[in-house]
C-alpha atoms as a PDB file:
ATOM      1  CA  UNK A   1      38.410   3.910  32.319  1.00  0.00           C
ATOM      2  CA  UNK A   2      36.033   1.112  32.602  1.00  0.00           C
ATOM      3  CA  UNK A   3      37.091  -0.539  29.388  1.00  0.00           C
ATOM      4  CA  UNK A   4      40.710  -0.392  30.686  1.00  0.00           C
ATOM      5  CA  UNK A   5      39.670  -1.929  34.036  1.00  0.00           C
ATOM      6  CA  UNK A   6      37.939  -4.794  32.123  1.00  0.00           C
ATOM      7  CA  UNK A   7      40.874  -5.386  29.938  1.00  0.00           C
ATOM      8  CA  UNK A   8      43.075  -5.462  33.116  1.00  0.00           C
ATOM      9  CA  UNK A   9      40.985  -8.001  34.915  1.00  0.00           C
ATOM     10  CA  UNK A  10      41.036 -10.123  31.701  1.00  0.00           C
ATOM     11  CA  UNK A  11      44.861  -9.951  31.428  1.00  0.00           C
ATOM     12  CA  UNK A  12      45.159 -10.852  35.280  1.00  0.00           C
ATOM     13  CA  UNK A  13      42.716 -13.649  34.795  1.00  0.00           C
ATOM     14  CA  UNK A  14      44.685 -15.209  31.811  1.00  0.00           C
ATOM     15  CA  UNK A  15      48.024 -15.061  33.787  1.00  0.00           C
ATOM     16  CA  UNK A  16      46.518 -16.767  36.718  1.00  0.00           C
ATOM     17  CA  UNK A  17      44.815 -19.170  34.417  1.00  0.00           C
ATOM     18  CA  UNK A  18      48.151 -20.131  32.861  1.00  0.00           C
ATOM     19  CA  UNK A  19      49.700 -20.755  36.166  1.00  0.00           C
ATOM     20  CA  UNK A  20      46.791 -23.080  37.063  1.00  0.00           C
ATOM     21  CA  UNK A  21      46.900 -25.077  33.805  1.00  0.00           C
ATOM     22  CA  UNK A  22      50.727 -25.419  34.172  1.00  0.00           C
ATOM     23  CA  UNK A  23      50.153 -26.797  37.637  1.00  0.00           C
ATOM     24  CA  UNK A  24      52.338 -24.171  39.109  1.00  0.00           C
ATOM     25  CA  UNK A  25      50.516 -24.665  42.562  1.00  0.00           C
ATOM     26  CA  UNK A  26      49.650 -27.815  44.039  1.00  0.00           C
ATOM     27  CA  UNK A  27      45.920 -28.668  44.708  1.00  0.00           C
ATOM     28  CA  UNK A  28      45.017 -27.130  48.100  1.00  0.00           C
ATOM     29  CA  UNK A  29      47.451 -24.287  47.864  1.00  0.00           C
ATOM     30  CA  UNK A  30      46.353 -20.928  49.244  1.00  0.00           C
ATOM     31  CA  UNK A  31      46.101 -18.116  46.664  1.00  0.00           C
ATOM     32  CA  UNK A  32      46.536 -14.813  48.367  1.00  0.00           C
ATOM     33  CA  UNK A  33      45.005 -12.021  46.452  1.00  0.00           C
ATOM     34  CA  UNK A  34      47.382  -9.536  47.979  1.00  0.00           C
ATOM     35  CA  UNK A  35      50.345 -11.891  47.271  1.00  0.00           C
ATOM     36  CA  UNK A  36      49.323 -12.324  43.634  1.00  0.00           C
ATOM     37  CA  UNK A  37      48.646  -8.521  43.150  1.00  0.00           C
ATOM     38  CA  UNK A  38      52.256  -7.848  44.451  1.00  0.00           C
ATOM     39  CA  UNK A  39      53.624 -10.588  42.101  1.00  0.00           C
ATOM     40  CA  UNK A  40      51.691  -9.361  39.040  1.00  0.00           C
ATOM     41  CA  UNK A  41      52.518  -5.640  39.894  1.00  0.00           C
ATOM     42  CA  UNK A  42      48.584  -4.699  39.946  1.00  0.00           C
ATOM     43  CA  UNK A  43      46.167  -3.609  42.610  1.00  0.00           C
ATOM     44  CA  UNK A  44      44.155  -6.230  44.514  1.00  0.00           C
ATOM     45  CA  UNK A  45      40.883  -5.270  42.716  1.00  0.00           C
ATOM     46  CA  UNK A  46      41.601  -6.935  39.381  1.00  0.00           C
ATOM     47  CA  UNK A  47      42.970 -10.085  40.965  1.00  0.00           C
ATOM     48  CA  UNK A  48      39.807 -10.376  43.326  1.00  0.00           C
ATOM     49  CA  UNK A  49      37.654  -9.922  40.272  1.00  0.00           C
ATOM     50  CA  UNK A  50      39.789 -12.606  38.268  1.00  0.00           C
ATOM     51  CA  UNK A  51      39.230 -14.955  41.204  1.00  0.00           C
ATOM     52  CA  UNK A  52      35.645 -14.670  41.278  1.00  0.00           C
ATOM     53  CA  UNK A  53      35.586 -15.554  37.606  1.00  0.00           C
ATOM     54  CA  UNK A  54      38.004 -18.401  37.930  1.00  0.00           C
ATOM     55  CA  UNK A  55      35.821 -19.756  40.857  1.00  0.00           C
ATOM     56  CA  UNK A  56      33.103 -20.363  38.168  1.00  0.00           C
ATOM     57  CA  UNK A  57      35.228 -22.604  36.298  1.00  0.00           C
ATOM     58  CA  UNK A  58      36.075 -24.783  39.176  1.00  0.00           C
ATOM     59  CA  UNK A  59      39.822 -24.135  39.060  1.00  0.00           C
ATOM     60  CA  UNK A  60      39.774 -22.367  42.367  1.00  0.00           C
ATOM     61  CA  UNK A  61      37.547 -22.695  45.436  1.00  0.00           C
ATOM     62  CA  UNK A  62      36.864 -20.286  48.102  1.00  0.00           C
ATOM     63  CA  UNK A  63      37.246 -21.940  51.669  1.00  0.00           C
ATOM     64  CA  UNK A  64      36.128 -20.008  54.876  1.00  0.00           C
ATOM     65  CA  UNK A  65      38.974 -18.728  56.902  1.00  0.00           C
ATOM     66  CA  UNK A  66      41.441 -19.658  54.057  1.00  0.00           C
ATOM     67  CA  UNK A  67      40.329 -17.604  51.125  1.00  0.00           C
ATOM     68  CA  UNK A  68      40.852 -18.942  47.610  1.00  0.00           C
ATOM     69  CA  UNK A  69      42.620 -22.356  47.165  1.00  0.00           C
ATOM     70  CA  UNK A  70      43.576 -24.493  44.144  1.00  0.00           C
ATOM     71  CA  UNK A  71      40.858 -26.929  43.459  1.00  0.00           C
ATOM     72  CA  UNK A  72      41.666 -30.590  42.842  1.00  0.00           C
ATOM     73  CA  UNK A  73      41.482 -31.841  39.299  1.00  0.00           C
ATOM     74  CA  UNK A  74      38.139 -33.434  38.181  1.00  0.00           C
ATOM     75  CA  UNK A  75      37.836 -36.984  39.292  1.00  0.00           C
ATOM     76  CA  UNK A  76      36.416 -39.693  37.083  1.00  0.00           C
ATOM     77  CA  UNK A  77      32.818 -39.160  38.192  1.00  0.00           C
ATOM     78  CA  UNK A  78      32.774 -35.351  37.643  1.00  0.00           C
ATOM     79  CA  UNK A  79      34.498 -35.819  34.110  1.00  0.00           C
ATOM     80  CA  UNK A  80      32.139 -38.652  33.106  1.00  0.00           C
ATOM     81  CA  UNK A  81      29.307 -36.193  34.080  1.00  0.00           C
ATOM     82  CA  UNK A  82      30.761 -33.206  32.336  1.00  0.00           C
ATOM     83  CA  UNK A  83      31.143 -35.091  28.926  1.00  0.00           C
ATOM     84  CA  UNK A  84      27.614 -36.516  29.309  1.00  0.00           C
ATOM     85  CA  UNK A  85      26.257 -33.102  29.769  1.00  0.00           C
ATOM     86  CA  UNK A  86      28.390 -31.992  26.660  1.00  0.00           C
ATOM     87  CA  UNK A  87      27.046 -34.787  24.601  1.00  0.00           C
ATOM     88  CA  UNK A  88      23.269 -33.839  25.280  1.00  0.00           C
ATOM     89  CA  UNK A  89      23.904 -30.042  24.617  1.00  0.00           C
ATOM     90  CA  UNK A  90      26.420 -30.363  21.625  1.00  0.00           C
ATOM     91  CA  UNK A  91      24.259 -32.913  19.845  1.00  0.00           C
ATOM     92  CA  UNK A  92      21.156 -30.760  20.172  1.00  0.00           C
ATOM     93  CA  UNK A  93      23.267 -27.867  18.698  1.00  0.00           C
ATOM     94  CA  UNK A  94      24.751 -29.752  15.830  1.00  0.00           C
ATOM     95  CA  UNK A  95      21.366 -31.325  14.933  1.00  0.00           C
ATOM     96  CA  UNK A  96      19.732 -27.799  14.712  1.00  0.00           C
ATOM     97  CA  UNK A  97      22.762 -26.403  12.962  1.00  0.00           C
ATOM     98  CA  UNK A  98      21.834 -28.678   9.790  1.00  0.00           C
ATOM     99  CA  UNK A  99      19.162 -26.135   8.876  1.00  0.00           C
ATOM    100  CA  UNK A 100      21.753 -24.323   6.805  1.00  0.00           C
ATOM    101  CA  UNK A 101      24.100 -27.122   5.865  1.00  0.00           C
ATOM    102  CA  UNK A 102      26.186 -25.125   3.431  1.00  0.00           C
ATOM    103  CA  UNK A 103      26.933 -22.272   6.061  1.00  0.00           C
ATOM    104  CA  UNK A 104      27.657 -24.996   8.757  1.00  0.00           C
ATOM    105  CA  UNK A 105      30.105 -26.812   6.562  1.00  0.00           C
ATOM    106  CA  UNK A 106      31.942 -23.553   5.526  1.00  0.00           C
ATOM    107  CA  UNK A 107      32.580 -22.453   9.175  1.00  0.00           C
ATOM    108  CA  UNK A 108      33.379 -26.055  10.279  1.00  0.00           C
ATOM    109  CA  UNK A 109      35.984 -26.496   7.376  1.00  0.00           C
ATOM    110  CA  UNK A 110      37.502 -23.159   8.252  1.00  0.00           C
ATOM    111  CA  UNK A 111      37.769 -24.005  12.144  1.00  0.00           C
ATOM    112  CA  UNK A 112      39.199 -27.452  11.262  1.00  0.00           C
ATOM    113  CA  UNK A 113      41.860 -25.834   8.965  1.00  0.00           C
ATOM    114  CA  UNK A 114      42.750 -23.155  11.571  1.00  0.00           C
ATOM    115  CA  UNK A 115      43.183 -25.975  14.325  1.00  0.00           C
ATOM    116  CA  UNK A 116      45.396 -27.969  11.858  1.00  0.00           C
ATOM    117  CA  UNK A 117      47.674 -24.782  11.489  1.00  0.00           C
ATOM    118  CA  UNK A 118      48.119 -24.631  15.399  1.00  0.00           C
ATOM    119  CA  UNK A 119      48.772 -28.346  15.722  1.00  0.00           C
ATOM    120  CA  UNK A 120      51.518 -28.116  13.072  1.00  0.00           C
ATOM    121  CA  UNK A 121      53.423 -25.885  15.218  1.00  0.00           C
ATOM    122  CA  UNK A 122      53.083 -27.899  18.336  1.00  0.00           C
ATOM    123  CA  UNK A 123      54.217 -31.163  16.905  1.00  0.00           C
ATOM    124  CA  UNK A 124      53.160 -34.656  17.390  1.00  0.00           C
ATOM    125  CA  UNK A 125      54.465 -35.144  21.211  1.00  0.00           C
ATOM    126  CA  UNK A 126      52.622 -31.864  22.489  1.00  0.00           C
ATOM    127  CA  UNK A 127      54.607 -29.020  23.907  1.00  0.00           C
ATOM    128  CA  UNK A 128      55.161 -27.348  27.214  1.00  0.00           C
ATOM    129  CA  UNK A 129      54.826 -24.046  25.718  1.00  0.00           C
ATOM    130  CA  UNK A 130      51.670 -22.582  27.199  1.00  0.00           C
ATOM    131  CA  UNK A 131      50.943 -20.139  24.574  1.00  0.00           C
ATOM    132  CA  UNK A 132      50.778 -22.775  21.900  1.00  0.00           C
ATOM    133  CA  UNK A 133      48.734 -25.148  23.994  1.00  0.00           C
ATOM    134  CA  UNK A 134      46.177 -22.401  24.735  1.00  0.00           C
ATOM    135  CA  UNK A 135      45.977 -21.604  21.135  1.00  0.00           C
ATOM    136  CA  UNK A 136      45.266 -25.432  20.538  1.00  0.00           C
ATOM    137  CA  UNK A 137      42.695 -25.359  23.337  1.00  0.00           C
ATOM    138  CA  UNK A 138      40.973 -22.312  21.792  1.00  0.00           C
ATOM    139  CA  UNK A 139      41.118 -23.798  18.207  1.00  0.00           C
ATOM    140  CA  UNK A 140      39.633 -27.070  19.493  1.00  0.00           C
ATOM    141  CA  UNK A 141      36.866 -25.351  21.257  1.00  0.00           C
ATOM    142  CA  UNK A 142      36.106 -23.029  18.223  1.00  0.00           C
ATOM    143  CA  UNK A 143      35.231 -26.034  16.193  1.00  0.00           C
ATOM    144  CA  UNK A 144      32.501 -27.244  18.753  1.00  0.00           C
ATOM    145  CA  UNK A 145      31.344 -23.408  19.042  1.00  0.00           C
ATOM    146  CA  UNK A 146      30.388 -23.545  15.291  1.00  0.00           C
ATOM    147  CA  UNK A 147      27.585 -25.893  16.186  1.00  0.00           C
ATOM    148  CA  UNK A 148      25.995 -23.300  18.498  1.00  0.00           C
ATOM    149  CA  UNK A 149      26.508 -20.422  16.139  1.00  0.00           C
ATOM    150  CA  UNK A 150      24.427 -22.017  13.478  1.00  0.00           C
ATOM    151  CA  UNK A 151      22.021 -23.720  15.865  1.00  0.00           C
ATOM    152  CA  UNK A 152      20.568 -20.186  16.433  1.00  0.00           C
ATOM    153  CA  UNK A 153      19.197 -20.852  19.982  1.00  0.00           C
ATOM    154  CA  UNK A 154      20.368 -18.275  22.629  1.00  0.00           C
ATOM    155  CA  UNK A 155      19.543 -20.880  25.656  1.00  0.00           C
ATOM    156  CA  UNK A 156      21.732 -23.557  23.967  1.00  0.00           C
ATOM    157  CA  UNK A 157      24.506 -21.017  23.617  1.00  0.00           C
ATOM    158  CA  UNK A 158      24.083 -20.016  27.349  1.00  0.00           C
ATOM    159  CA  UNK A 159      24.321 -23.663  28.385  1.00  0.00           C
ATOM    160  CA  UNK A 160      27.433 -24.204  26.409  1.00  0.00           C
ATOM    161  CA  UNK A 161      29.143 -21.013  27.771  1.00  0.00           C
ATOM    162  CA  UNK A 162      28.441 -22.502  31.346  1.00  0.00           C
ATOM    163  CA  UNK A 163      29.879 -25.945  30.275  1.00  0.00           C
ATOM    164  CA  UNK A 164      33.024 -24.318  28.596  1.00  0.00           C
ATOM    165  CA  UNK A 165      34.233 -22.758  31.722  1.00  0.00           C
ATOM    166  CA  UNK A 166      34.473 -26.416  33.243  1.00  0.00           C
ATOM    167  CA  UNK A 167      36.467 -27.660  30.205  1.00  0.00           C
ATOM    168  CA  UNK A 168      39.372 -25.693  31.848  1.00  0.00           C
ATOM    169  CA  UNK A 169      39.435 -28.198  34.483  1.00  0.00           C
ATOM    170  CA  UNK A 170      39.640 -31.191  31.869  1.00  0.00           C
ATOM    171  CA  UNK A 171      42.799 -29.496  30.606  1.00  0.00           C
ATOM    172  CA  UNK A 172      44.604 -29.980  33.951  1.00  0.00           C
ATOM    173  CA  UNK A 173      44.958 -33.579  32.920  1.00  0.00           C
ATOM    174  CA  UNK A 174      47.554 -32.526  30.507  1.00  0.00           C
ATOM    175  CA  UNK A 175      49.881 -31.941  33.608  1.00  0.00           C
ATOM    176  CA  UNK A 176      50.584 -35.673  33.370  1.00  0.00           C
ATOM    177  CA  UNK A 177      53.021 -35.026  30.530  1.00  0.00           C
ATOM    178  CA  UNK A 178      53.051 -35.087  26.674  1.00  0.00           C
ATOM    179  CA  UNK A 179      51.633 -38.527  26.711  1.00  0.00           C
ATOM    180  CA  UNK A 180      48.306 -37.047  27.792  1.00  0.00           C
ATOM    181  CA  UNK A 181      48.371 -34.744  24.805  1.00  0.00           C
ATOM    182  CA  UNK A 182      45.398 -35.843  22.288  1.00  0.00           C
ATOM    183  CA  UNK A 183      45.373 -32.769  20.051  1.00  0.00           C
ATOM    184  CA  UNK A 184      46.079 -34.739  16.906  1.00  0.00           C
ATOM    185  CA  UNK A 185      43.581 -37.444  17.792  1.00  0.00           C
ATOM    186  CA  UNK A 186      40.985 -34.819  18.596  1.00  0.00           C
ATOM    187  CA  UNK A 187      41.545 -33.092  15.355  1.00  0.00           C
ATOM    188  CA  UNK A 188      41.061 -36.463  13.447  1.00  0.00           C
ATOM    189  CA  UNK A 189      37.832 -37.057  15.171  1.00  0.00           C
ATOM    190  CA  UNK A 190      36.621 -33.522  14.281  1.00  0.00           C
ATOM    191  CA  UNK A 191      37.506 -34.387  10.716  1.00  0.00           C
ATOM    192  CA  UNK A 192      35.122 -37.239  10.842  1.00  0.00           C
ATOM    193  CA  UNK A 193      32.375 -34.996  11.875  1.00  0.00           C
ATOM    194  CA  UNK A 194      33.213 -32.608   9.324  1.00  0.00           C
ATOM    195  CA  UNK A 195      33.032 -35.397   6.582  1.00  0.00           C
ATOM    196  CA  UNK A 196      29.669 -36.340   7.634  1.00  0.00           C
ATOM    197  CA  UNK A 197      28.381 -32.746   7.434  1.00  0.00           C
ATOM    198  CA  UNK A 198      30.003 -32.581   3.871  1.00  0.00           C
ATOM    199  CA  UNK A 199      28.035 -35.629   2.831  1.00  0.00           C
ATOM    200  CA  UNK A 200      24.765 -34.162   4.365  1.00  0.00           C
ATOM    201  CA  UNK A 201      24.681 -37.133   6.795  1.00  0.00           C
ATOM    202  CA  UNK A 202      22.816 -35.783   9.902  1.00  0.00           C
ATOM    203  CA  UNK A 203      22.769 -39.046  11.821  1.00  0.00           C
ATOM    204  CA  UNK A 204      26.353 -39.774  10.816  1.00  0.00           C
ATOM    205  CA  UNK A 205      27.399 -36.345  12.131  1.00  0.00           C
ATOM    206  CA  UNK A 206      25.707 -36.881  15.543  1.00  0.00           C
ATOM    207  CA  UNK A 207      27.086 -40.241  15.829  1.00  0.00           C
ATOM    208  CA  UNK A 208      30.745 -39.058  14.999  1.00  0.00           C
ATOM    209  CA  UNK A 209      30.334 -36.210  17.600  1.00  0.00           C
ATOM    210  CA  UNK A 210      29.135 -38.556  20.232  1.00  0.00           C
ATOM    211  CA  UNK A 211      32.232 -41.083  19.495  1.00  0.00           C
ATOM    212  CA  UNK A 212      34.338 -37.989  19.708  1.00  0.00           C
ATOM    213  CA  UNK A 213      33.237 -36.935  23.036  1.00  0.00           C
ATOM    214  CA  UNK A 214      33.495 -40.550  24.276  1.00  0.00           C
ATOM    215  CA  UNK A 215      36.952 -40.543  23.034  1.00  0.00           C
ATOM    216  CA  UNK A 216      37.830 -37.312  24.944  1.00  0.00           C
ATOM    217  CA  UNK A 217      36.419 -38.761  28.159  1.00  0.00           C
ATOM    218  CA  UNK A 218      38.368 -42.163  27.648  1.00  0.00           C
ATOM    219  CA  UNK A 219      41.732 -40.284  27.048  1.00  0.00           C
ATOM    220  CA  UNK A 220      41.251 -38.021  29.984  1.00  0.00           C
ATOM    221  CA  UNK A 221      40.487 -40.879  32.411  1.00  0.00           C
ATOM    222  CA  UNK A 222      43.594 -42.541  31.167  1.00  0.00           C
ATOM    223  CA  UNK A 223      44.673 -45.751  32.671  1.00  0.00           C
ATOM    224  CA  UNK A 224      42.743 -45.379  35.761  1.00  0.00           C
END
């Protein structure tokens, strides 16, 4: 019974997350727990639990006397700080992951290939299909998670899990249309990191990772 409740909460959270990333609600829109429960044909409990989880991602906010509302997309200052934090944590993890270069290379290569397979189904111009886009987001993030798997540091893993929730808000920028889709560029940048690891080039891999995260920030900010 407990397991089923956890599964239901995860399913409800995924459905609400989908609507948030698709910009189904304007920033500031009130999200009624009872209304969502009726719409999703579930009890209010898993909706309430899902909203608590989504609040940690920054996609929704709790406002006194109003309840949960859709948070505004990250502004330039917040995106800059988020990518700066990711550079600190991810370069630390990748540097430590070089302790076992063969295992690191094998898992990065597998993650990079899996990401390519997803991108091949999306096409060059992006897609409004949430399922495919979500697969892309997961595959992109999976490449970065390999650093932390091989860093073998539980505190670094904890830090990136916290930062990972905020990456959902970066994804809101895709609501600007297919011109905002950078999946193929990001995959190419991942390839440069992978090549440096293949060459056993520790400093080169860290530099390629830094350049990639700088590129993510630049593309997310757009022509502001």
